[in-house]
Amino acid sequence: MCIIGVGLIGGSIARASRKKGLCSQIVGVGRDTKNLERAVELGVINSYSTDITSAVIGADIVVVCTPVGSFERIFSALKQVWSSDCLYTDVGSTKESVVKSLEAVFGVVPDNFVLAHPIAGSENNGVEASIDTLFDGKRTIITPLDKQTNSTFKESCSTWWQGMGASVTEMTVQHHDEVLAATSHLPHVIAFALVELLKNKEDEKEIFKFAAGGFKDFTRIASSNPEMWADICMANSKQIVKLLNEYQKLNEHISSLIESSNKDGLCELFASAQAAREKFLTLQSRS
């Protein structure tokens, strides 16, 4: 296995694949040699290289685990040594952007590239945050392209993720980006925005000094990798901006309810949201 980008997700894939006996040799690829050396020290990978083209030679599976903004550059390097016998996949949080990057390099999406996205992660970054149980009981979405993705490679990718403990779901590229914009991308943007807003008031109001556990829980994801999330916003901009506009309108409605002292209206809105979250928690406990 060759893992391009040995951070939280790439490192956890390596750990889980090794623990479950899914591969025997793991080569890591990246630009930061200190991080790669640390990955070897921790036993996450067997060896490393800063050169993609030499690292992937002989690999049975290549996994791209870098920010989506780097994909086109990586695909251009992979094209030079592309193998029809190898399974290529990714863990990008957006899928339409991955399709566009592949098409820009290859003209079409190669039939042995299976787009995938594990719904798992942490606000912590880097290979030292990786764990071999990150995908246990979590969902992984694969978005094969109709009449284009080779069924054998699709099944191999699904089996591999299941072997790491994940539950695999299939959906279209567009559906994936719509769902993830609402459930992951928008919440991250809101968390970053809230912390930035309060940061600007910190000196004057000592905001963070008196922040309680709710603030810590709500803003936890604002500790996530800034470059990765900037790339995600660029890659899924249409869906994210659409949701931000809807969120802004809802906030304006809430402001009007507060300004007009409409307690009943606020209670109704809050109760609706509370019920929706309880339903979500019930569904989570069953899955």
C-alpha atoms as a PDB file:
ATOM      1  CA  MET A   1       0.000   0.000   0.000  1.00  0.00           C
ATOM      2  CA  CYS A   2       1.151   3.509  -0.806  1.00  0.00           C
ATOM      3  CA  ILE A   3      -0.353   6.337   1.239  1.00  0.00           C
ATOM      4  CA  ILE A   4       0.089   9.841  -0.117  1.00  0.00           C
ATOM      5  CA  GLY A   5      -0.286  12.151   2.887  1.00  0.00           C
ATOM      6  CA  VAL A   6       0.506  10.448   6.193  1.00  0.00           C
ATOM      7  CA  GLY A   7      -1.526  12.529   8.641  1.00  0.00           C
ATOM      8  CA  LEU A   8      -4.513  11.713  10.831  1.00  0.00           C
ATOM      9  CA  ILE A   9      -6.522   9.881   8.154  1.00  0.00           C
ATOM     10  CA  GLY A  10      -3.615   8.439   6.176  1.00  0.00           C
ATOM     11  CA  GLY A  11      -1.903   7.313   9.360  1.00  0.00           C
ATOM     12  CA  SER A  12      -5.096   5.762  10.716  1.00  0.00           C
ATOM     13  CA  ILE A  13      -5.619   3.902   7.423  1.00  0.00           C
ATOM     14  CA  ALA A  14      -2.094   2.520   7.700  1.00  0.00           C
ATOM     15  CA  ARG A  15      -2.563   1.496  11.335  1.00  0.00           C
ATOM     16  CA  ALA A  16      -5.968  -0.109  10.722  1.00  0.00           C
ATOM     17  CA  SER A  17      -4.836  -1.920   7.564  1.00  0.00           C
ATOM     18  CA  ARG A  18      -1.800  -3.307   9.361  1.00  0.00           C
ATOM     19  CA  LYS A  19      -3.784  -4.323  12.452  1.00  0.00           C
ATOM     20  CA  LYS A  20      -6.391  -6.155  10.357  1.00  0.00           C
ATOM     21  CA  GLY A  21      -3.795  -7.839   8.169  1.00  0.00           C
ATOM     22  CA  LEU A  22      -4.948  -6.087   4.997  1.00  0.00           C
ATOM     23  CA  CYS A  23      -1.433  -5.372   3.753  1.00  0.00           C
ATOM     24  CA  SER A  24       2.143  -6.282   4.581  1.00  0.00           C
ATOM     25  CA  GLN A  25       4.154  -3.280   3.391  1.00  0.00           C
ATOM     26  CA  ILE A  26       3.148   0.383   3.621  1.00  0.00           C
ATOM     27  CA  VAL A  27       5.017   3.197   1.900  1.00  0.00           C
ATOM     28  CA  GLY A  28       4.274   6.767   2.919  1.00  0.00           C
ATOM     29  CA  VAL A  29       4.631   9.773   0.619  1.00  0.00           C
ATOM     30  CA  GLY A  30       4.817  13.428   1.601  1.00  0.00           C
ATOM     31  CA  ARG A  31       6.838  16.617   1.540  1.00  0.00           C
ATOM     32  CA  ASP A  32       7.663  16.787   5.263  1.00  0.00           C
ATOM     33  CA  THR A  33      10.480  14.312   5.884  1.00  0.00           C
ATOM     34  CA  LYS A  34      10.329  14.859   9.648  1.00  0.00           C
ATOM     35  CA  ASN A  35       6.685  13.785   9.682  1.00  0.00           C
ATOM     36  CA  LEU A  36       7.490  10.753   7.524  1.00  0.00           C
ATOM     37  CA  GLU A  37      10.435   9.792   9.731  1.00  0.00           C
ATOM     38  CA  ARG A  38       8.151  10.055  12.756  1.00  0.00           C
ATOM     39  CA  ALA A  39       5.622   7.799  11.011  1.00  0.00           C
ATOM     40  CA  VAL A  40       8.334   5.164  10.576  1.00  0.00           C
ATOM     41  CA  GLU A  41       9.394   5.532  14.234  1.00  0.00           C
ATOM     42  CA  LEU A  42       5.791   5.003  15.353  1.00  0.00           C
ATOM     43  CA  GLY A  43       5.480   1.898  13.183  1.00  0.00           C
ATOM     44  CA  VAL A  44       2.737   3.487  11.072  1.00  0.00           C
ATOM     45  CA  ILE A  45       4.585   2.947   7.777  1.00  0.00           C
ATOM     46  CA  ASN A  46       7.515   0.745   6.766  1.00  0.00           C
ATOM     47  CA  SER A  47       9.280   3.270   4.555  1.00  0.00           C
ATOM     48  CA  TYR A  48       8.782   6.630   2.900  1.00  0.00           C
ATOM     49  CA  SER A  49       9.626   8.748  -0.109  1.00  0.00           C
ATOM     50  CA  THR A  50       9.142  12.352  -1.146  1.00  0.00           C
ATOM     51  CA  ASP A  51       8.815  11.234  -4.778  1.00  0.00           C
ATOM     52  CA  ILE A  52       5.373   9.952  -5.763  1.00  0.00           C
ATOM     53  CA  THR A  53       6.429   8.294  -9.012  1.00  0.00           C
ATOM     54  CA  SER A  54       8.992   6.006  -7.396  1.00  0.00           C
ATOM     55  CA  ALA A  55       6.954   5.311  -4.258  1.00  0.00           C
ATOM     56  CA  VAL A  56       3.911   3.860  -6.045  1.00  0.00           C
ATOM     57  CA  ILE A  57       5.813   1.363  -8.214  1.00  0.00           C
ATOM     58  CA  GLY A  58       4.527  -2.141  -7.417  1.00  0.00           C
ATOM     59  CA  ALA A  59       1.711  -0.943  -5.140  1.00  0.00           C
ATOM     60  CA  ASP A  60      -1.559  -2.881  -5.021  1.00  0.00           C
ATOM     61  CA  ILE A  61      -3.436   0.114  -3.631  1.00  0.00           C
ATOM     62  CA  VAL A  62      -2.668   3.839  -3.649  1.00  0.00           C
ATOM     63  CA  VAL A  63      -4.606   6.130  -1.302  1.00  0.00           C
ATOM     64  CA  VAL A  64      -4.558   9.923  -1.718  1.00  0.00           C
ATOM     65  CA  CYS A  65      -4.968  11.513   1.730  1.00  0.00           C
ATOM     66  CA  THR A  66      -3.880  15.095   1.100  1.00  0.00           C
ATOM     67  CA  PRO A  67      -6.056  18.258   0.967  1.00  0.00           C
ATOM     68  CA  VAL A  68      -8.280  18.190  -2.135  1.00  0.00           C
ATOM     69  CA  GLY A  69      -6.604  21.309  -3.501  1.00  0.00           C
ATOM     70  CA  SER A  70      -3.449  19.243  -4.143  1.00  0.00           C
ATOM     71  CA  PHE A  71      -5.164  16.427  -6.050  1.00  0.00           C
ATOM     72  CA  GLU A  72      -4.577  17.613  -9.604  1.00  0.00           C
ATOM     73  CA  ARG A  73      -0.842  17.932  -8.970  1.00  0.00           C
ATOM     74  CA  ILE A  74      -0.762  14.455  -7.438  1.00  0.00           C
ATOM     75  CA  PHE A  75      -2.775  12.914 -10.275  1.00  0.00           C
ATOM     76  CA  SER A  76      -0.359  14.450 -12.784  1.00  0.00           C
ATOM     77  CA  ALA A  77       2.511  12.637 -11.039  1.00  0.00           C
ATOM     78  CA  LEU A  78       0.572   9.377 -10.799  1.00  0.00           C
ATOM     79  CA  LYS A  79      -0.302   9.472 -14.498  1.00  0.00           C
ATOM     80  CA  GLN A  80       3.362   8.932 -15.371  1.00  0.00           C
ATOM     81  CA  VAL A  81       3.414   5.517 -13.662  1.00  0.00           C
ATOM     82  CA  TRP A  82      -0.277   4.564 -13.689  1.00  0.00           C
ATOM     83  CA  SER A  83      -0.935   0.822 -13.339  1.00  0.00           C
ATOM     84  CA  SER A  84      -4.123  -0.810 -14.611  1.00  0.00           C
ATOM     85  CA  ASP A  85      -3.756  -3.516 -11.945  1.00  0.00           C
ATOM     86  CA  CYS A  86      -3.674  -1.142  -8.975  1.00  0.00           C
ATOM     87  CA  LEU A  87      -6.633   0.176  -6.981  1.00  0.00           C
ATOM     88  CA  TYR A  88      -6.464   3.955  -6.655  1.00  0.00           C
ATOM     89  CA  THR A  89      -8.714   5.780  -4.200  1.00  0.00           C
ATOM     90  CA  ASP A  90      -8.921   8.878  -2.039  1.00  0.00           C
ATOM     91  CA  VAL A  91     -10.439  10.173   1.206  1.00  0.00           C
ATOM     92  CA  GLY A  92     -11.423  13.662   0.032  1.00  0.00           C
ATOM     93  CA  SER A  93     -14.332  15.432   1.721  1.00  0.00           C
ATOM     94  CA  THR A  94     -15.640  16.630  -1.653  1.00  0.00           C
ATOM     95  CA  LYS A  95     -16.155  14.387  -4.655  1.00  0.00           C
ATOM     96  CA  GLU A  96     -17.111  16.557  -7.638  1.00  0.00           C
ATOM     97  CA  SER A  97     -13.791  18.361  -7.305  1.00  0.00           C
ATOM     98  CA  VAL A  98     -11.965  15.010  -7.390  1.00  0.00           C
ATOM     99  CA  VAL A  99     -13.800  14.027 -10.576  1.00  0.00           C
ATOM    100  CA  LYS A 100     -12.845  17.348 -12.180  1.00  0.00           C
ATOM    101  CA  SER A 101      -9.196  16.944 -11.164  1.00  0.00           C
ATOM    102  CA  LEU A 102      -9.069  13.421 -12.621  1.00  0.00           C
ATOM    103  CA  GLU A 103     -10.717  14.561 -15.843  1.00  0.00           C
ATOM    104  CA  ALA A 104      -8.310  17.489 -16.131  1.00  0.00           C
ATOM    105  CA  VAL A 105      -5.348  15.098 -15.989  1.00  0.00           C
ATOM    106  CA  PHE A 106      -6.637  11.927 -17.675  1.00  0.00           C
ATOM    107  CA  GLY A 107      -9.501  13.228 -19.793  1.00  0.00           C
ATOM    108  CA  VAL A 108     -11.771  10.723 -18.057  1.00  0.00           C
ATOM    109  CA  VAL A 109     -11.911   9.171 -14.596  1.00  0.00           C
ATOM    110  CA  PRO A 110      -9.813   5.976 -14.815  1.00  0.00           C
ATOM    111  CA  ASP A 111     -11.943   2.862 -14.216  1.00  0.00           C
ATOM    112  CA  ASN A 112      -9.638   1.689 -11.391  1.00  0.00           C
ATOM    113  CA  PHE A 113     -10.042   4.904  -9.375  1.00  0.00           C
ATOM    114  CA  VAL A 114     -12.782   4.547  -6.741  1.00  0.00           C
ATOM    115  CA  LEU A 115     -13.797   7.787  -5.039  1.00  0.00           C
ATOM    116  CA  ALA A 116     -14.283   7.370  -1.295  1.00  0.00           C
ATOM    117  CA  HIS A 117     -14.774   9.413   1.860  1.00  0.00           C
ATOM    118  CA  PRO A 118     -14.608   8.027   5.418  1.00  0.00           C
ATOM    119  CA  ILE A 119     -16.969   9.884   7.769  1.00  0.00           C
ATOM    120  CA  ALA A 120     -14.475   9.852  10.600  1.00  0.00           C
ATOM    121  CA  GLY A 121     -11.901  12.220  11.952  1.00  0.00           C
ATOM    122  CA  SER A 122     -10.731  14.378  14.821  1.00  0.00           C
ATOM    123  CA  GLU A 123      -9.915  17.993  15.522  1.00  0.00           C
ATOM    124  CA  ASN A 124      -6.334  16.802  16.079  1.00  0.00           C
ATOM    125  CA  ASN A 125      -3.919  16.709  13.166  1.00  0.00           C
ATOM    126  CA  GLY A 126      -0.833  14.817  12.127  1.00  0.00           C
ATOM    127  CA  VAL A 127       0.388  11.244  12.186  1.00  0.00           C
ATOM    128  CA  GLU A 128       0.710  11.240  15.981  1.00  0.00           C
ATOM    129  CA  ALA A 129      -3.067  11.701  16.224  1.00  0.00           C
ATOM    130  CA  SER A 130      -3.699   8.599  14.083  1.00  0.00           C
ATOM    131  CA  ILE A 131      -5.259   5.504  15.676  1.00  0.00           C
ATOM    132  CA  ASP A 132      -6.058   2.012  14.398  1.00  0.00           C
ATOM    133  CA  THR A 133      -9.709   2.180  15.541  1.00  0.00           C
ATOM    134  CA  LEU A 134     -10.673   5.462  13.856  1.00  0.00           C
ATOM    135  CA  PHE A 135     -12.986   3.757  11.353  1.00  0.00           C
ATOM    136  CA  ASP A 136     -14.565   1.173  13.650  1.00  0.00           C
ATOM    137  CA  GLY A 137     -18.344   1.456  13.368  1.00  0.00           C
ATOM    138  CA  LYS A 138     -18.048   4.571  11.177  1.00  0.00           C
ATOM    139  CA  ARG A 139     -19.477   5.082   7.697  1.00  0.00           C
ATOM    140  CA  THR A 140     -17.442   5.340   4.540  1.00  0.00           C
ATOM    141  CA  ILE A 141     -19.120   6.693   1.417  1.00  0.00           C
ATOM    142  CA  ILE A 142     -17.971   5.537  -1.994  1.00  0.00           C
ATOM    143  CA  THR A 143     -19.190   7.343  -5.095  1.00  0.00           C
ATOM    144  CA  PRO A 144     -18.591   5.072  -8.104  1.00  0.00           C
ATOM    145  CA  LEU A 145     -19.423   6.494 -11.510  1.00  0.00           C
ATOM    146  CA  ASP A 146     -22.100   4.648 -13.483  1.00  0.00           C
ATOM    147  CA  LYS A 147     -20.734   2.671 -16.457  1.00  0.00           C
ATOM    148  CA  GLN A 148     -17.259   4.001 -15.689  1.00  0.00           C
ATOM    149  CA  THR A 149     -15.968   2.578 -12.414  1.00  0.00           C
ATOM    150  CA  ASN A 150     -14.797  -1.020 -12.757  1.00  0.00           C
ATOM    151  CA  SER A 151     -17.010  -3.231 -10.570  1.00  0.00           C
ATOM    152  CA  THR A 152     -14.090  -5.412  -9.453  1.00  0.00           C
ATOM    153  CA  PHE A 153     -12.141  -2.425  -8.141  1.00  0.00           C
ATOM    154  CA  LYS A 154     -15.302  -1.019  -6.552  1.00  0.00           C
ATOM    155  CA  GLU A 155     -15.856  -4.257  -4.646  1.00  0.00           C
ATOM    156  CA  SER A 156     -12.196  -4.385  -3.637  1.00  0.00           C
ATOM    157  CA  CYS A 157     -12.421  -0.855  -2.236  1.00  0.00           C
ATOM    158  CA  SER A 158     -15.607  -1.675  -0.307  1.00  0.00           C
ATOM    159  CA  THR A 159     -14.112  -4.876   1.098  1.00  0.00           C
ATOM    160  CA  TRP A 160     -10.981  -3.016   2.169  1.00  0.00           C
ATOM    161  CA  TRP A 161     -12.955  -0.349   4.056  1.00  0.00           C
ATOM    162  CA  GLN A 162     -15.128  -3.002   5.680  1.00  0.00           C
ATOM    163  CA  GLY A 163     -11.955  -4.788   6.711  1.00  0.00           C
ATOM    164  CA  MET A 164     -10.908  -1.640   8.577  1.00  0.00           C
ATOM    165  CA  GLY A 165     -14.208  -1.718  10.484  1.00  0.00           C
ATOM    166  CA  ALA A 166     -16.243   0.748   8.426  1.00  0.00           C
ATOM    167  CA  SER A 167     -19.785   0.430   7.086  1.00  0.00           C
ATOM    168  CA  VAL A 168     -19.808   1.252   3.372  1.00  0.00           C
ATOM    169  CA  THR A 169     -22.552   3.261   1.666  1.00  0.00           C
ATOM    170  CA  GLU A 170     -22.819   4.123  -2.033  1.00  0.00           C
ATOM    171  CA  MET A 171     -24.198   7.398  -3.379  1.00  0.00           C
ATOM    172  CA  THR A 172     -23.738   9.700  -6.331  1.00  0.00           C
ATOM    173  CA  VAL A 173     -21.054  12.375  -6.423  1.00  0.00           C
ATOM    174  CA  GLN A 174     -23.629  15.186  -6.359  1.00  0.00           C
ATOM    175  CA  HIS A 175     -25.599  13.669  -3.478  1.00  0.00           C
ATOM    176  CA  HIS A 176     -22.407  13.235  -1.471  1.00  0.00           C
ATOM    177  CA  ASP A 177     -21.419  16.878  -1.849  1.00  0.00           C
ATOM    178  CA  GLU A 178     -24.919  18.088  -0.944  1.00  0.00           C
ATOM    179  CA  VAL A 179     -25.106  15.906   2.170  1.00  0.00           C
ATOM    180  CA  LEU A 180     -21.604  16.682   3.395  1.00  0.00           C
ATOM    181  CA  ALA A 181     -22.051  20.417   2.831  1.00  0.00           C
ATOM    182  CA  ALA A 182     -24.945  20.343   5.291  1.00  0.00           C
ATOM    183  CA  THR A 183     -23.610  17.873   7.855  1.00  0.00           C
ATOM    184  CA  SER A 184     -19.908  18.687   7.899  1.00  0.00           C
ATOM    185  CA  HIS A 185     -18.777  21.640   5.794  1.00  0.00           C
ATOM    186  CA  LEU A 186     -21.313  24.210   7.066  1.00  0.00           C
ATOM    187  CA  PRO A 187     -20.776  23.302  10.768  1.00  0.00           C
ATOM    188  CA  HIS A 188     -17.018  23.740  10.361  1.00  0.00           C
ATOM    189  CA  VAL A 189     -17.432  27.149   8.717  1.00  0.00           C
ATOM    190  CA  ILE A 190     -19.801  28.250  11.492  1.00  0.00           C
ATOM    191  CA  ALA A 191     -17.401  27.051  14.203  1.00  0.00           C
ATOM    192  CA  PHE A 192     -14.464  28.916  12.624  1.00  0.00           C
ATOM    193  CA  ALA A 193     -16.606  32.042  12.254  1.00  0.00           C
ATOM    194  CA  LEU A 194     -17.844  32.002  15.855  1.00  0.00           C
ATOM    195  CA  VAL A 195     -14.345  31.647  17.307  1.00  0.00           C
ATOM    196  CA  GLU A 196     -13.073  34.420  15.029  1.00  0.00           C
ATOM    197  CA  LEU A 197     -15.965  36.672  16.106  1.00  0.00           C
ATOM    198  CA  LEU A 198     -15.297  36.118  19.799  1.00  0.00           C
ATOM    199  CA  LYS A 199     -11.540  36.357  19.350  1.00  0.00           C
ATOM    200  CA  ASN A 200     -11.997  39.915  18.146  1.00  0.00           C
ATOM    201  CA  LYS A 201     -13.812  40.732  21.393  1.00  0.00           C
ATOM    202  CA  GLU A 202     -11.409  38.876  23.664  1.00  0.00           C
ATOM    203  CA  ASP A 203      -9.270  41.808  24.836  1.00  0.00           C
ATOM    204  CA  GLU A 204     -12.284  43.933  25.653  1.00  0.00           C
ATOM    205  CA  LYS A 205     -14.634  41.394  27.177  1.00  0.00           C
ATOM    206  CA  GLU A 206     -12.433  38.515  28.451  1.00  0.00           C
ATOM    207  CA  ILE A 207     -14.697  36.204  26.458  1.00  0.00           C
ATOM    208  CA  PHE A 208     -12.593  33.061  26.536  1.00  0.00           C
ATOM    209  CA  LYS A 209     -11.846  33.384  30.250  1.00  0.00           C
ATOM    210  CA  PHE A 210     -15.482  32.772  31.091  1.00  0.00           C
ATOM    211  CA  ALA A 211     -16.374  30.360  28.287  1.00  0.00           C
ATOM    212  CA  ALA A 212     -17.997  27.203  29.629  1.00  0.00           C
ATOM    213  CA  GLY A 213     -18.106  23.604  28.405  1.00  0.00           C
ATOM    214  CA  GLY A 214     -20.791  24.298  25.846  1.00  0.00           C
ATOM    215  CA  PHE A 215     -18.507  26.726  24.029  1.00  0.00           C
ATOM    216  CA  LYS A 216     -15.679  24.168  24.053  1.00  0.00           C
ATOM    217  CA  ASP A 217     -17.935  21.417  22.678  1.00  0.00           C
ATOM    218  CA  PHE A 218     -19.536  23.607  20.021  1.00  0.00           C
ATOM    219  CA  THR A 219     -16.250  25.031  18.732  1.00  0.00           C
ATOM    220  CA  ARG A 220     -14.151  21.841  18.971  1.00  0.00           C
ATOM    221  CA  ILE A 221     -14.013  21.456  15.200  1.00  0.00           C
ATOM    222  CA  ALA A 222     -12.504  24.927  14.823  1.00  0.00           C
ATOM    223  CA  SER A 223      -9.237  23.262  15.842  1.00  0.00           C
ATOM    224  CA  SER A 224      -9.239  21.398  12.520  1.00  0.00           C
ATOM    225  CA  ASN A 225      -6.621  21.948   9.814  1.00  0.00           C
ATOM    226  CA  PRO A 226      -7.181  25.417   8.254  1.00  0.00           C
ATOM    227  CA  GLU A 227      -5.635  24.595   4.857  1.00  0.00           C
ATOM    228  CA  MET A 228      -7.703  21.441   4.491  1.00  0.00           C
ATOM    229  CA  TRP A 229     -10.936  23.281   5.276  1.00  0.00           C
ATOM    230  CA  ALA A 230     -10.103  26.207   3.010  1.00  0.00           C
ATOM    231  CA  ASP A 231      -9.614  23.671   0.212  1.00  0.00           C
ATOM    232  CA  ILE A 232     -12.946  22.025   1.036  1.00  0.00           C
ATOM    233  CA  CYS A 233     -14.731  25.389   0.901  1.00  0.00           C
ATOM    234  CA  MET A 234     -13.232  26.116  -2.510  1.00  0.00           C
ATOM    235  CA  ALA A 235     -14.035  22.620  -3.796  1.00  0.00           C
ATOM    236  CA  ASN A 236     -17.666  22.600  -2.641  1.00  0.00           C
ATOM    237  CA  SER A 237     -18.323  26.342  -2.817  1.00  0.00           C
ATOM    238  CA  LYS A 238     -21.708  26.187  -4.554  1.00  0.00           C
ATOM    239  CA  GLN A 239     -23.316  23.973  -1.938  1.00  0.00           C
ATOM    240  CA  ILE A 240     -21.675  25.719   1.043  1.00  0.00           C
ATOM    241  CA  VAL A 241     -22.590  29.249  -0.090  1.00  0.00           C
ATOM    242  CA  LYS A 242     -26.174  28.141  -0.703  1.00  0.00           C
ATOM    243  CA  LEU A 243     -26.426  26.815   2.858  1.00  0.00           C
ATOM    244  CA  LEU A 244     -24.706  29.877   4.333  1.00  0.00           C
ATOM    245  CA  ASN A 245     -27.301  32.098   2.650  1.00  0.00           C
ATOM    246  CA  GLU A 246     -30.107  29.980   4.119  1.00  0.00           C
ATOM    247  CA  TYR A 247     -28.410  30.081   7.529  1.00  0.00           C
ATOM    248  CA  GLN A 248     -28.093  33.870   7.322  1.00  0.00           C
ATOM    249  CA  LYS A 249     -31.814  34.210   6.587  1.00  0.00           C
ATOM    250  CA  LEU A 250     -32.634  31.993   9.566  1.00  0.00           C
ATOM    251  CA  ASN A 251     -30.391  34.099  11.820  1.00  0.00           C
ATOM    252  CA  GLU A 252     -32.155  37.236  10.602  1.00  0.00           C
ATOM    253  CA  HIS A 253     -35.483  35.618  11.478  1.00  0.00           C
ATOM    254  CA  ILE A 254     -34.214  34.760  14.965  1.00  0.00           C
ATOM    255  CA  SER A 255     -32.984  38.339  15.411  1.00  0.00           C
ATOM    256  CA  SER A 256     -36.416  39.670  14.478  1.00  0.00           C
ATOM    257  CA  LEU A 257     -38.083  37.325  16.995  1.00  0.00           C
ATOM    258  CA  ILE A 258     -35.750  38.540  19.754  1.00  0.00           C
ATOM    259  CA  GLU A 259     -36.119  42.217  18.836  1.00  0.00           C
ATOM    260  CA  SER A 260     -39.916  41.925  18.865  1.00  0.00           C
ATOM    261  CA  SER A 261     -39.888  40.024  22.189  1.00  0.00           C
ATOM    262  CA  ASN A 262     -41.633  37.106  20.495  1.00  0.00           C
ATOM    263  CA  LYS A 263     -40.986  34.435  23.089  1.00  0.00           C
ATOM    264  CA  ASP A 264     -43.566  32.058  21.644  1.00  0.00           C
ATOM    265  CA  GLY A 265     -41.908  32.236  18.236  1.00  0.00           C
ATOM    266  CA  LEU A 266     -38.485  31.518  19.741  1.00  0.00           C
ATOM    267  CA  CYS A 267     -39.833  28.610  21.790  1.00  0.00           C
ATOM    268  CA  GLU A 268     -41.446  27.122  18.699  1.00  0.00           C
ATOM    269  CA  LEU A 269     -38.244  27.381  16.669  1.00  0.00           C
ATOM    270  CA  PHE A 270     -36.038  26.044  19.489  1.00  0.00           C
ATOM    271  CA  ALA A 271     -38.461  23.183  20.203  1.00  0.00           C
ATOM    272  CA  SER A 272     -38.456  22.224  16.533  1.00  0.00           C
ATOM    273  CA  ALA A 273     -34.661  22.137  16.495  1.00  0.00           C
ATOM    274  CA  GLN A 274     -34.563  20.194  19.772  1.00  0.00           C
ATOM    275  CA  ALA A 275     -36.933  17.560  18.399  1.00  0.00           C
ATOM    276  CA  ALA A 276     -34.881  17.244  15.213  1.00  0.00           C
ATOM    277  CA  ARG A 277     -31.707  16.671  17.220  1.00  0.00           C
ATOM    278  CA  GLU A 278     -33.368  14.068  19.446  1.00  0.00           C
ATOM    279  CA  LYS A 279     -34.494  12.247  16.294  1.00  0.00           C
ATOM    280  CA  PHE A 280     -30.929  12.378  14.990  1.00  0.00           C
ATOM    281  CA  LEU A 281     -29.563  10.936  18.265  1.00  0.00           C
ATOM    282  CA  THR A 282     -32.133   8.112  18.130  1.00  0.00           C
ATOM    283  CA  LEU A 283     -31.138   7.251  14.574  1.00  0.00           C
ATOM    284  CA  GLN A 284     -27.466   7.328  15.557  1.00  0.00           C
ATOM    285  CA  SER A 285     -28.027   4.913  18.433  1.00  0.00           C
ATOM    286  CA  ARG A 286     -29.741   2.450  16.092  1.00  0.00           C
ATOM    287  CA  SER A 287     -27.101   2.519  13.389  1.00  0.00           C
END
